[in-house]
Amino acid sequence: MKNNKQTAQSPKDILEELRSLVADAEKMVGDSVGDSDEMVSALRQRYAAAQERLGEAYESARRKVTDGARYTDETIRENPYQSIAVAVGVGLIAGVLLGRSTK
């Protein structure tokens, strides 16, 4: 059930839509009028669409993290001594800054 109208949404947008969905469900339970079957069906469709978009956002983030980790690994393997020098430098700077803040 792909929704091609909407492109990638931020997790914030998806959470807002889920909050709206919960508010609508609470309203439906409070009102519980005769056409509740239609409302339940509409809520289920909205829930399924939100769940699908959340899954797509998760997959996109997972792919980006995996690609970043792969790139980092390749860079470190191609330049091991430079990587060690950078790590030592960052550690030294962090140690100096942390040492100053505790005095």
PDB file of N, CA and C in Angstrom:
ATOM      1  N   MET A   1       0.827  -1.173   0.000  1.00  0.00           N
ATOM      2  CA  MET A   1       0.000   0.000   0.000  1.00  0.00           C
ATOM      3  C   MET A   1       0.873   1.238   0.000  1.00  0.00           C
ATOM      4  N   LYS A   2       1.571   1.488  -1.091  1.00  0.00           N
ATOM      5  CA  LYS A   2       2.453   2.630  -1.192  1.00  0.00           C
ATOM      6  C   LYS A   2       1.662   3.876  -1.499  1.00  0.00           C
ATOM      7  N   ASN A   3       2.061   4.946  -0.864  1.00  0.00           N
ATOM      8  CA  ASN A   3       1.436   6.234  -1.076  1.00  0.00           C
ATOM      9  C   ASN A   3       2.424   7.091  -1.847  1.00  0.00           C
ATOM     10  N   ASN A   4       2.299   7.151  -3.171  1.00  0.00           N
ATOM     11  CA  ASN A   4       3.253   7.841  -4.010  1.00  0.00           C
ATOM     12  C   ASN A   4       3.095   9.350  -3.970  1.00  0.00           C
ATOM     13  N   LYS A   5       1.993   9.851  -3.433  1.00  0.00           N
ATOM     14  CA  LYS A   5       1.780  11.287  -3.377  1.00  0.00           C
ATOM     15  C   LYS A   5       2.753  11.956  -2.428  1.00  0.00           C
ATOM     16  N   GLN A   6       3.095  11.304  -1.340  1.00  0.00           N
ATOM     17  CA  GLN A   6       3.928  11.927  -0.335  1.00  0.00           C
ATOM     18  C   GLN A   6       5.345  11.389  -0.445  1.00  0.00           C
ATOM     19  N   THR A   7       6.289  12.336  -0.444  1.00  0.00           N
ATOM     20  CA  THR A   7       7.683  11.940  -0.499  1.00  0.00           C
ATOM     21  C   THR A   7       8.187  11.762   0.918  1.00  0.00           C
ATOM     22  N   ALA A   8       9.479  11.637   1.063  1.00  0.00           N
ATOM     23  CA  ALA A   8      10.073  11.359   2.368  1.00  0.00           C
ATOM     24  C   ALA A   8       9.671  12.419   3.386  1.00  0.00           C
ATOM     25  N   GLN A   9       9.121  11.954   4.488  1.00  0.00           N
ATOM     26  CA  GLN A   9       8.741  12.847   5.567  1.00  0.00           C
ATOM     27  C   GLN A   9       9.727  12.677   6.707  1.00  0.00           C
ATOM     28  N   SER A  10       9.853  13.732   7.479  1.00  0.00           N
ATOM     29  CA  SER A  10      10.734  13.644   8.632  1.00  0.00           C
ATOM     30  C   SER A  10      10.038  12.856   9.734  1.00  0.00           C
ATOM     31  N   PRO A  11      10.811  12.279  10.631  1.00  0.00           N
ATOM     32  CA  PRO A  11      10.189  11.567  11.755  1.00  0.00           C
ATOM     33  C   PRO A  11       9.257  12.474  12.560  1.00  0.00           C
ATOM     34  N   LYS A  12       9.579  13.759  12.618  1.00  0.00           N
ATOM     35  CA  LYS A  12       8.723  14.708  13.335  1.00  0.00           C
ATOM     36  C   LYS A  12       7.340  14.777  12.694  1.00  0.00           C
ATOM     37  N   ASP A  13       7.286  14.805  11.354  1.00  0.00           N
ATOM     38  CA  ASP A  13       6.005  14.834  10.645  1.00  0.00           C
ATOM     39  C   ASP A  13       5.213  13.558  10.890  1.00  0.00           C
ATOM     40  N   ILE A  14       5.898  12.438  10.892  1.00  0.00           N
ATOM     41  CA  ILE A  14       5.227  11.154  11.107  1.00  0.00           C
ATOM     42  C   ILE A  14       4.668  11.083  12.526  1.00  0.00           C
ATOM     43  N   LEU A  15       5.446  11.556  13.512  1.00  0.00           N
ATOM     44  CA  LEU A  15       4.956  11.563  14.886  1.00  0.00           C
ATOM     45  C   LEU A  15       3.738  12.466  15.033  1.00  0.00           C
ATOM     46  N   GLU A  16       3.752  13.602  14.355  1.00  0.00           N
ATOM     47  CA  GLU A  16       2.599  14.504  14.417  1.00  0.00           C
ATOM     48  C   GLU A  16       1.368  13.846  13.813  1.00  0.00           C
ATOM     49  N   GLU A  17       1.558  13.119  12.725  1.00  0.00           N
ATOM     50  CA  GLU A  17       0.437  12.419  12.113  1.00  0.00           C
ATOM     51  C   GLU A  17      -0.094  11.317  13.031  1.00  0.00           C
ATOM     52  N   LEU A  18       0.804  10.613  13.709  1.00  0.00           N
ATOM     53  CA  LEU A  18       0.371   9.583  14.644  1.00  0.00           C
ATOM     54  C   LEU A  18      -0.384  10.197  15.826  1.00  0.00           C
ATOM     55  N   ARG A  19       0.060  11.369  16.295  1.00  0.00           N
ATOM     56  CA  ARG A  19      -0.672  12.044  17.372  1.00  0.00           C
ATOM     57  C   ARG A  19      -2.071  12.421  16.917  1.00  0.00           C
ATOM     58  N   SER A  20      -2.158  12.904  15.681  1.00  0.00           N
ATOM     59  CA  SER A  20      -3.469  13.250  15.131  1.00  0.00           C
ATOM     60  C   SER A  20      -4.357  12.016  15.035  1.00  0.00           C
ATOM     61  N   LEU A  21      -3.769  10.918  14.638  1.00  0.00           N
ATOM     62  CA  LEU A  21      -4.499   9.663  14.531  1.00  0.00           C
ATOM     63  C   LEU A  21      -5.034   9.223  15.896  1.00  0.00           C
ATOM     64  N   VAL A  22      -4.221   9.346  16.932  1.00  0.00           N
ATOM     65  CA  VAL A  22      -4.658   8.983  18.279  1.00  0.00           C
ATOM     66  C   VAL A  22      -5.783   9.910  18.742  1.00  0.00           C
ATOM     67  N   ALA A  23      -5.650  11.205  18.437  1.00  0.00           N
ATOM     68  CA  ALA A  23      -6.699  12.146  18.824  1.00  0.00           C
ATOM     69  C   ALA A  23      -8.013  11.801  18.131  1.00  0.00           C
ATOM     70  N   ASP A  24      -7.953  11.439  16.854  1.00  0.00           N
ATOM     71  CA  ASP A  24      -9.158  11.046  16.128  1.00  0.00           C
ATOM     72  C   ASP A  24      -9.768   9.776  16.718  1.00  0.00           C
ATOM     73  N   ALA A  25      -8.915   8.836  17.106  1.00  0.00           N
ATOM     74  CA  ALA A  25      -9.416   7.591  17.696  1.00  0.00           C
ATOM     75  C   ALA A  25     -10.097   7.868  19.038  1.00  0.00           C
ATOM     76  N   GLU A  26      -9.512   8.759  19.831  1.00  0.00           N
ATOM     77  CA  GLU A  26     -10.120   9.115  21.110  1.00  0.00           C
ATOM     78  C   GLU A  26     -11.465   9.805  20.894  1.00  0.00           C
ATOM     79  N   LYS A  27     -11.529  10.653  19.885  1.00  0.00           N
ATOM     80  CA  LYS A  27     -12.779  11.342  19.565  1.00  0.00           C
ATOM     81  C   LYS A  27     -13.843  10.326  19.148  1.00  0.00           C
ATOM     82  N   MET A  28     -13.424   9.345  18.332  1.00  0.00           N
ATOM     83  CA  MET A  28     -14.364   8.331  17.867  1.00  0.00           C
ATOM     84  C   MET A  28     -14.912   7.518  19.037  1.00  0.00           C
ATOM     85  N   VAL A  29     -14.043   7.164  19.962  1.00  0.00           N
ATOM     86  CA  VAL A  29     -14.484   6.388  21.122  1.00  0.00           C
ATOM     87  C   VAL A  29     -15.431   7.229  21.969  1.00  0.00           C
ATOM     88  N   GLY A  30     -15.129   8.516  22.100  1.00  0.00           N
ATOM     89  CA  GLY A  30     -15.980   9.395  22.889  1.00  0.00           C
ATOM     90  C   GLY A  30     -17.332   9.626  22.254  1.00  0.00           C
ATOM     91  N   ASP A  31     -17.361   9.762  20.937  1.00  0.00           N
ATOM     92  CA  ASP A  31     -18.624  10.036  20.241  1.00  0.00           C
ATOM     93  C   ASP A  31     -19.430   8.765  20.015  1.00  0.00           C
ATOM     94  N   SER A  32     -18.759   7.701  19.598  1.00  0.00           N
ATOM     95  CA  SER A  32     -19.349   6.405  19.250  1.00  0.00           C
ATOM     96  C   SER A  32     -20.759   6.517  18.661  1.00  0.00           C
ATOM     97  N   VAL A  33     -20.791   7.126  17.472  1.00  0.00           N
ATOM     98  CA  VAL A  33     -22.039   7.317  16.742  1.00  0.00           C
ATOM     99  C   VAL A  33     -22.179   6.187  15.725  1.00  0.00           C
ATOM    100  N   GLY A  34     -23.299   6.121  15.006  1.00  0.00           N
ATOM    101  CA  GLY A  34     -23.645   5.040  14.094  1.00  0.00           C
ATOM    102  C   GLY A  34     -22.639   4.717  13.007  1.00  0.00           C
ATOM    103  N   ASP A  35     -21.913   5.671  12.454  1.00  0.00           N
ATOM    104  CA  ASP A  35     -21.021   5.385  11.323  1.00  0.00           C
ATOM    105  C   ASP A  35     -19.603   5.057  11.801  1.00  0.00           C
ATOM    106  N   SER A  36     -19.482   4.346  12.890  1.00  0.00           N
ATOM    107  CA  SER A  36     -18.172   4.026  13.442  1.00  0.00           C
ATOM    108  C   SER A  36     -17.392   3.051  12.558  1.00  0.00           C
ATOM    109  N   ASP A  37     -18.062   2.210  11.779  1.00  0.00           N
ATOM    110  CA  ASP A  37     -17.349   1.287  10.889  1.00  0.00           C
ATOM    111  C   ASP A  37     -16.520   2.043   9.867  1.00  0.00           C
ATOM    112  N   GLU A  38     -17.094   3.105   9.313  1.00  0.00           N
ATOM    113  CA  GLU A  38     -16.359   3.919   8.347  1.00  0.00           C
ATOM    114  C   GLU A  38     -15.180   4.612   9.014  1.00  0.00           C
ATOM    115  N   MET A  39     -15.389   5.103  10.225  1.00  0.00           N
ATOM    116  CA  MET A  39     -14.309   5.781  10.945  1.00  0.00           C
ATOM    117  C   MET A  39     -13.191   4.809  11.303  1.00  0.00           C
ATOM    118  N   VAL A  40     -13.545   3.615  11.722  1.00  0.00           N
ATOM    119  CA  VAL A  40     -12.536   2.607  12.056  1.00  0.00           C
ATOM    120  C   VAL A  40     -11.729   2.248  10.810  1.00  0.00           C
ATOM    121  N   SER A  41     -12.401   2.109   9.690  1.00  0.00           N
ATOM    122  CA  SER A  41     -11.725   1.787   8.443  1.00  0.00           C
ATOM    123  C   SER A  41     -10.764   2.911   8.051  1.00  0.00           C
ATOM    124  N   ALA A  42     -11.216   4.154   8.177  1.00  0.00           N
ATOM    125  CA  ALA A  42     -10.363   5.303   7.844  1.00  0.00           C
ATOM    126  C   ALA A  42      -9.162   5.375   8.781  1.00  0.00           C
ATOM    127  N   LEU A  43      -9.377   5.122  10.058  1.00  0.00           N
ATOM    128  CA  LEU A  43      -8.272   5.137  11.018  1.00  0.00           C
ATOM    129  C   LEU A  43      -7.266   4.031  10.725  1.00  0.00           C
ATOM    130  N   ARG A  44      -7.763   2.866  10.346  1.00  0.00           N
ATOM    131  CA  ARG A  44      -6.854   1.761  10.016  1.00  0.00           C
ATOM    132  C   ARG A  44      -6.005   2.097   8.787  1.00  0.00           C
ATOM    133  N   GLN A  45      -6.620   2.728   7.799  1.00  0.00           N
ATOM    134  CA  GLN A  45      -5.875   3.109   6.599  1.00  0.00           C
ATOM    135  C   GLN A  45      -4.806   4.140   6.939  1.00  0.00           C
ATOM    136  N   ARG A  46      -5.163   5.132   7.757  1.00  0.00           N
ATOM    137  CA  ARG A  46      -4.191   6.150   8.146  1.00  0.00           C
ATOM    138  C   ARG A  46      -3.060   5.538   8.955  1.00  0.00           C
ATOM    139  N   TYR A  47      -3.405   4.607   9.835  1.00  0.00           N
ATOM    140  CA  TYR A  47      -2.386   3.938  10.646  1.00  0.00           C
ATOM    141  C   TYR A  47      -1.432   3.140   9.759  1.00  0.00           C
ATOM    142  N   ALA A  48      -1.989   2.415   8.800  1.00  0.00           N
ATOM    143  CA  ALA A  48      -1.147   1.618   7.897  1.00  0.00           C
ATOM    144  C   ALA A  48      -0.222   2.514   7.079  1.00  0.00           C
ATOM    145  N   ALA A  49      -0.747   3.649   6.615  1.00  0.00           N
ATOM    146  CA  ALA A  49       0.076   4.569   5.830  1.00  0.00           C
ATOM    147  C   ALA A  49       1.190   5.164   6.686  1.00  0.00           C
ATOM    148  N   ALA A  50       0.872   5.546   7.919  1.00  0.00           N
ATOM    149  CA  ALA A  50       1.886   6.099   8.808  1.00  0.00           C
ATOM    150  C   ALA A  50       2.936   5.057   9.156  1.00  0.00           C
ATOM    151  N   GLN A  51       2.498   3.839   9.370  1.00  0.00           N
ATOM    152  CA  GLN A  51       3.426   2.754   9.685  1.00  0.00           C
ATOM    153  C   GLN A  51       4.372   2.499   8.507  1.00  0.00           C
ATOM    154  N   GLU A  52       3.848   2.564   7.299  1.00  0.00           N
ATOM    155  CA  GLU A  52       4.680   2.353   6.122  1.00  0.00           C
ATOM    156  C   GLU A  52       5.714   3.469   5.969  1.00  0.00           C
ATOM    157  N   ARG A  53       5.291   4.722   6.175  1.00  0.00           N
ATOM    158  CA  ARG A  53       6.230   5.838   6.073  1.00  0.00           C
ATOM    159  C   ARG A  53       7.292   5.765   7.158  1.00  0.00           C
ATOM    160  N   LEU A  54       6.922   5.336   8.348  1.00  0.00           N
ATOM    161  CA  LEU A  54       7.890   5.186   9.425  1.00  0.00           C
ATOM    162  C   LEU A  54       8.900   4.093   9.073  1.00  0.00           C
ATOM    163  N   GLY A  55       8.420   3.014   8.483  1.00  0.00           N
ATOM    164  CA  GLY A  55       9.320   1.948   8.047  1.00  0.00           C
ATOM    165  C   GLY A  55      10.282   2.419   6.968  1.00  0.00           C
ATOM    166  N   GLU A  56       9.778   3.235   6.041  1.00  0.00           N
ATOM    167  CA  GLU A  56      10.636   3.776   4.988  1.00  0.00           C
ATOM    168  C   GLU A  56      11.687   4.712   5.567  1.00  0.00           C
ATOM    169  N   ALA A  57      11.295   5.542   6.546  1.00  0.00           N
ATOM    170  CA  ALA A  57      12.249   6.448   7.189  1.00  0.00           C
ATOM    171  C   ALA A  57      13.323   5.644   7.922  1.00  0.00           C
ATOM    172  N   TYR A  58      12.918   4.561   8.578  1.00  0.00           N
ATOM    173  CA  TYR A  58      13.871   3.701   9.281  1.00  0.00           C
ATOM    174  C   TYR A  58      14.859   3.090   8.293  1.00  0.00           C
ATOM    175  N   GLU A  59      14.352   2.549   7.192  1.00  0.00           N
ATOM    176  CA  GLU A  59      15.237   1.920   6.199  1.00  0.00           C
ATOM    177  C   GLU A  59      16.210   2.935   5.613  1.00  0.00           C
ATOM    178  N   SER A  60      15.730   4.137   5.334  1.00  0.00           N
ATOM    179  CA  SER A  60      16.587   5.186   4.787  1.00  0.00           C
ATOM    180  C   SER A  60      17.692   5.539   5.779  1.00  0.00           C
ATOM    181  N   ALA A  61      17.339   5.713   7.044  1.00  0.00           N
ATOM    182  CA  ALA A  61      18.337   6.039   8.059  1.00  0.00           C
ATOM    183  C   ALA A  61      19.331   4.894   8.232  1.00  0.00           C
ATOM    184  N   ARG A  62      18.827   3.670   8.211  1.00  0.00           N
ATOM    185  CA  ARG A  62      19.709   2.511   8.361  1.00  0.00           C
ATOM    186  C   ARG A  62      20.715   2.437   7.207  1.00  0.00           C
ATOM    187  N   ARG A  63      20.219   2.683   5.986  1.00  0.00           N
ATOM    188  CA  ARG A  63      21.113   2.670   4.819  1.00  0.00           C
ATOM    189  C   ARG A  63      22.182   3.744   4.933  1.00  0.00           C
ATOM    190  N   LYS A  64      21.795   4.945   5.368  1.00  0.00           N
ATOM    191  CA  LYS A  64      22.767   6.033   5.495  1.00  0.00           C
ATOM    192  C   LYS A  64      23.824   5.719   6.540  1.00  0.00           C
ATOM    193  N   VAL A  65      23.422   5.153   7.663  1.00  0.00           N
ATOM    194  CA  VAL A  65      24.371   4.806   8.717  1.00  0.00           C
ATOM    195  C   VAL A  65      25.312   3.710   8.230  1.00  0.00           C
ATOM    196  N   THR A  66      24.775   2.716   7.559  1.00  0.00           N
ATOM    197  CA  THR A  66      25.598   1.628   7.035  1.00  0.00           C
ATOM    198  C   THR A  66      26.600   2.141   6.008  1.00  0.00           C
ATOM    199  N   ASP A  67      26.144   3.015   5.107  1.00  0.00           N
ATOM    200  CA  ASP A  67      27.045   3.580   4.102  1.00  0.00           C
ATOM    201  C   ASP A  67      28.139   4.422   4.757  1.00  0.00           C
ATOM    202  N   GLY A  68      27.760   5.191   5.776  1.00  0.00           N
ATOM    203  CA  GLY A  68      28.747   6.010   6.482  1.00  0.00           C
ATOM    204  C   GLY A  68      29.774   5.157   7.194  1.00  0.00           C
ATOM    205  N   ALA A  69      29.334   4.087   7.829  1.00  0.00           N
ATOM    206  CA  ALA A  69      30.260   3.185   8.520  1.00  0.00           C
ATOM    207  C   ALA A  69      31.192   2.498   7.521  1.00  0.00           C
ATOM    208  N   ARG A  70      30.651   2.096   6.383  1.00  0.00           N
ATOM    209  CA  ARG A  70      31.474   1.450   5.352  1.00  0.00           C
ATOM    210  C   ARG A  70      32.535   2.422   4.826  1.00  0.00           C
ATOM    211  N   TYR A  71      32.125   3.673   4.574  1.00  0.00           N
ATOM    212  CA  TYR A  71      33.067   4.692   4.084  1.00  0.00           C
ATOM    213  C   TYR A  71      34.158   4.958   5.121  1.00  0.00           C
ATOM    214  N   THR A  72      33.770   5.056   6.384  1.00  0.00           N
ATOM    215  CA  THR A  72      34.739   5.293   7.450  1.00  0.00           C
ATOM    216  C   THR A  72      35.727   4.139   7.539  1.00  0.00           C
ATOM    217  N   ASP A  73      35.236   2.922   7.465  1.00  0.00           N
ATOM    218  CA  ASP A  73      36.106   1.749   7.529  1.00  0.00           C
ATOM    219  C   ASP A  73      37.106   1.746   6.371  1.00  0.00           C
ATOM    220  N   GLU A  74      36.620   2.046   5.169  1.00  0.00           N
ATOM    221  CA  GLU A  74      37.515   2.070   3.995  1.00  0.00           C
ATOM    222  C   GLU A  74      38.575   3.159   4.146  1.00  0.00           C
ATOM    223  N   THR A  75      38.163   4.326   4.630  1.00  0.00           N
ATOM    224  CA  THR A  75      39.100   5.435   4.780  1.00  0.00           C
ATOM    225  C   THR A  75      40.169   5.098   5.811  1.00  0.00           C
ATOM    226  N   ILE A  76      39.770   4.502   6.922  1.00  0.00           N
ATOM    227  CA  ILE A  76      40.745   4.137   7.961  1.00  0.00           C
ATOM    228  C   ILE A  76      41.697   3.066   7.446  1.00  0.00           C
ATOM    229  N   ARG A  77      41.177   2.099   6.697  1.00  0.00           N
ATOM    230  CA  ARG A  77      42.053   1.046   6.167  1.00  0.00           C
ATOM    231  C   ARG A  77      43.024   1.582   5.109  1.00  0.00           C
ATOM    232  N   GLU A  78      42.608   2.593   4.350  1.00  0.00           N
ATOM    233  CA  GLU A  78      43.492   3.170   3.331  1.00  0.00           C
ATOM    234  C   GLU A  78      44.540   4.098   3.946  1.00  0.00           C
ATOM    235  N   ASN A  79      44.232   4.714   5.086  1.00  0.00           N
ATOM    236  CA  ASN A  79      45.128   5.680   5.725  1.00  0.00           C
ATOM    237  C   ASN A  79      45.263   5.375   7.221  1.00  0.00           C
ATOM    238  N   PRO A  80      45.905   4.270   7.561  1.00  0.00           N
ATOM    239  CA  PRO A  80      45.930   3.884   8.982  1.00  0.00           C
ATOM    240  C   PRO A  80      46.723   4.848   9.869  1.00  0.00           C
ATOM    241  N   TYR A  81      47.877   5.332   9.406  1.00  0.00           N
ATOM    242  CA  TYR A  81      48.702   6.194  10.251  1.00  0.00           C
ATOM    243  C   TYR A  81      48.068   7.571  10.428  1.00  0.00           C
ATOM    244  N   GLN A  82      47.467   8.092   9.362  1.00  0.00           N
ATOM    245  CA  GLN A  82      46.791   9.373   9.482  1.00  0.00           C
ATOM    246  C   GLN A  82      45.589   9.255  10.422  1.00  0.00           C
ATOM    247  N   SER A  83      44.895   8.118  10.357  1.00  0.00           N
ATOM    248  CA  SER A  83      43.741   7.898  11.229  1.00  0.00           C
ATOM    249  C   SER A  83      44.165   7.849  12.689  1.00  0.00           C
ATOM    250  N   ILE A  84      45.291   7.193  12.955  1.00  0.00           N
ATOM    251  CA  ILE A  84      45.803   7.133  14.332  1.00  0.00           C
ATOM    252  C   ILE A  84      46.190   8.531  14.801  1.00  0.00           C
ATOM    253  N   ALA A  85      46.836   9.302  13.941  1.00  0.00           N
ATOM    254  CA  ALA A  85      47.243  10.664  14.308  1.00  0.00           C
ATOM    255  C   ALA A  85      46.026  11.536  14.605  1.00  0.00           C
ATOM    256  N   VAL A  86      44.991  11.421  13.808  1.00  0.00           N
ATOM    257  CA  VAL A  86      43.772  12.203  14.046  1.00  0.00           C
ATOM    258  C   VAL A  86      43.132  11.783  15.363  1.00  0.00           C
ATOM    259  N   ALA A  87      43.054  10.494  15.618  1.00  0.00           N
ATOM    260  CA  ALA A  87      42.447  10.006  16.864  1.00  0.00           C
ATOM    261  C   ALA A  87      43.236  10.485  18.079  1.00  0.00           C
ATOM    262  N   VAL A  88      44.561  10.446  18.006  1.00  0.00           N
ATOM    263  CA  VAL A  88      45.395  10.921  19.115  1.00  0.00           C
ATOM    264  C   VAL A  88      45.191  12.422  19.311  1.00  0.00           C
ATOM    265  N   GLY A  89      45.137  13.165  18.223  1.00  0.00           N
ATOM    266  CA  GLY A  89      44.930  14.615  18.316  1.00  0.00           C
ATOM    267  C   GLY A  89      43.590  14.967  18.936  1.00  0.00           C
ATOM    268  N   VAL A  90      42.549  14.304  18.512  1.00  0.00           N
ATOM    269  CA  VAL A  90      41.217  14.556  19.076  1.00  0.00           C
ATOM    270  C   VAL A  90      41.197  14.176  20.550  1.00  0.00           C
ATOM    271  N   GLY A  91      41.811  13.062  20.891  1.00  0.00           N
ATOM    272  CA  GLY A  91      41.871  12.645  22.298  1.00  0.00           C
ATOM    273  C   GLY A  91      42.649  13.629  23.150  1.00  0.00           C
ATOM    274  N   LEU A  92      43.735  14.162  22.624  1.00  0.00           N
ATOM    275  CA  LEU A  92      44.540  15.144  23.348  1.00  0.00           C
ATOM    276  C   LEU A  92      43.751  16.425  23.588  1.00  0.00           C
ATOM    277  N   ILE A  93      43.088  16.907  22.553  1.00  0.00           N
ATOM    278  CA  ILE A  93      42.293  18.133  22.682  1.00  0.00           C
ATOM    279  C   ILE A  93      41.147  17.917  23.673  1.00  0.00           C
ATOM    280  N   ALA A  94      40.469  16.779  23.578  1.00  0.00           N
ATOM    281  CA  ALA A  94      39.366  16.487  24.510  1.00  0.00           C
ATOM    282  C   ALA A  94      39.893  16.390  25.935  1.00  0.00           C
ATOM    283  N   GLY A  95      41.049  15.776  26.135  1.00  0.00           N
ATOM    284  CA  GLY A  95      41.640  15.661  27.468  1.00  0.00           C
ATOM    285  C   GLY A  95      41.999  17.013  28.054  1.00  0.00           C
ATOM    286  N   VAL A  96      42.567  17.884  27.224  1.00  0.00           N
ATOM    287  CA  VAL A  96      42.928  19.226  27.698  1.00  0.00           C
ATOM    288  C   VAL A  96      41.678  20.007  28.076  1.00  0.00           C
ATOM    289  N   LEU A  97      40.659  19.946  27.216  1.00  0.00           N
ATOM    290  CA  LEU A  97      39.417  20.683  27.499  1.00  0.00           C
ATOM    291  C   LEU A  97      38.716  20.143  28.735  1.00  0.00           C
ATOM    292  N   LEU A  98      38.661  18.848  28.894  1.00  0.00           N
ATOM    293  CA  LEU A  98      38.022  18.254  30.065  1.00  0.00           C
ATOM    294  C   LEU A  98      38.835  18.529  31.329  1.00  0.00           C
ATOM    295  N   GLY A  99      40.151  18.542  31.206  1.00  0.00           N
ATOM    296  CA  GLY A  99      41.005  18.833  32.349  1.00  0.00           C
ATOM    297  C   GLY A  99      40.827  20.256  32.842  1.00  0.00           C
ATOM    298  N   ARG A 100      40.610  21.182  31.948  1.00  0.00           N
ATOM    299  CA  ARG A 100      40.384  22.577  32.331  1.00  0.00           C
ATOM    300  C   ARG A 100      39.047  22.754  33.026  1.00  0.00           C
ATOM    301  N   SER A 101      38.038  22.063  32.555  1.00  0.00           N
ATOM    302  CA  SER A 101      36.687  22.284  33.100  1.00  0.00           C
ATOM    303  C   SER A 101      36.508  21.688  34.477  1.00  0.00           C
ATOM    304  N   THR A 102      37.354  20.757  34.904  1.00  0.00           N
ATOM    305  CA  THR A 102      37.188  20.139  36.216  1.00  0.00           C
ATOM    306  C   THR A 102      37.928  20.886  37.309  1.00  0.00           C
ATOM    307  N   LYS A 103      38.768  21.854  36.958  1.00  0.00           N
ATOM    308  CA  LYS A 103      39.536  22.604  37.970  1.00  0.00           C
ATOM    309  C   LYS A 103      38.731  23.694  38.585  1.00  0.00           C
TER     310      LYS A 103
END
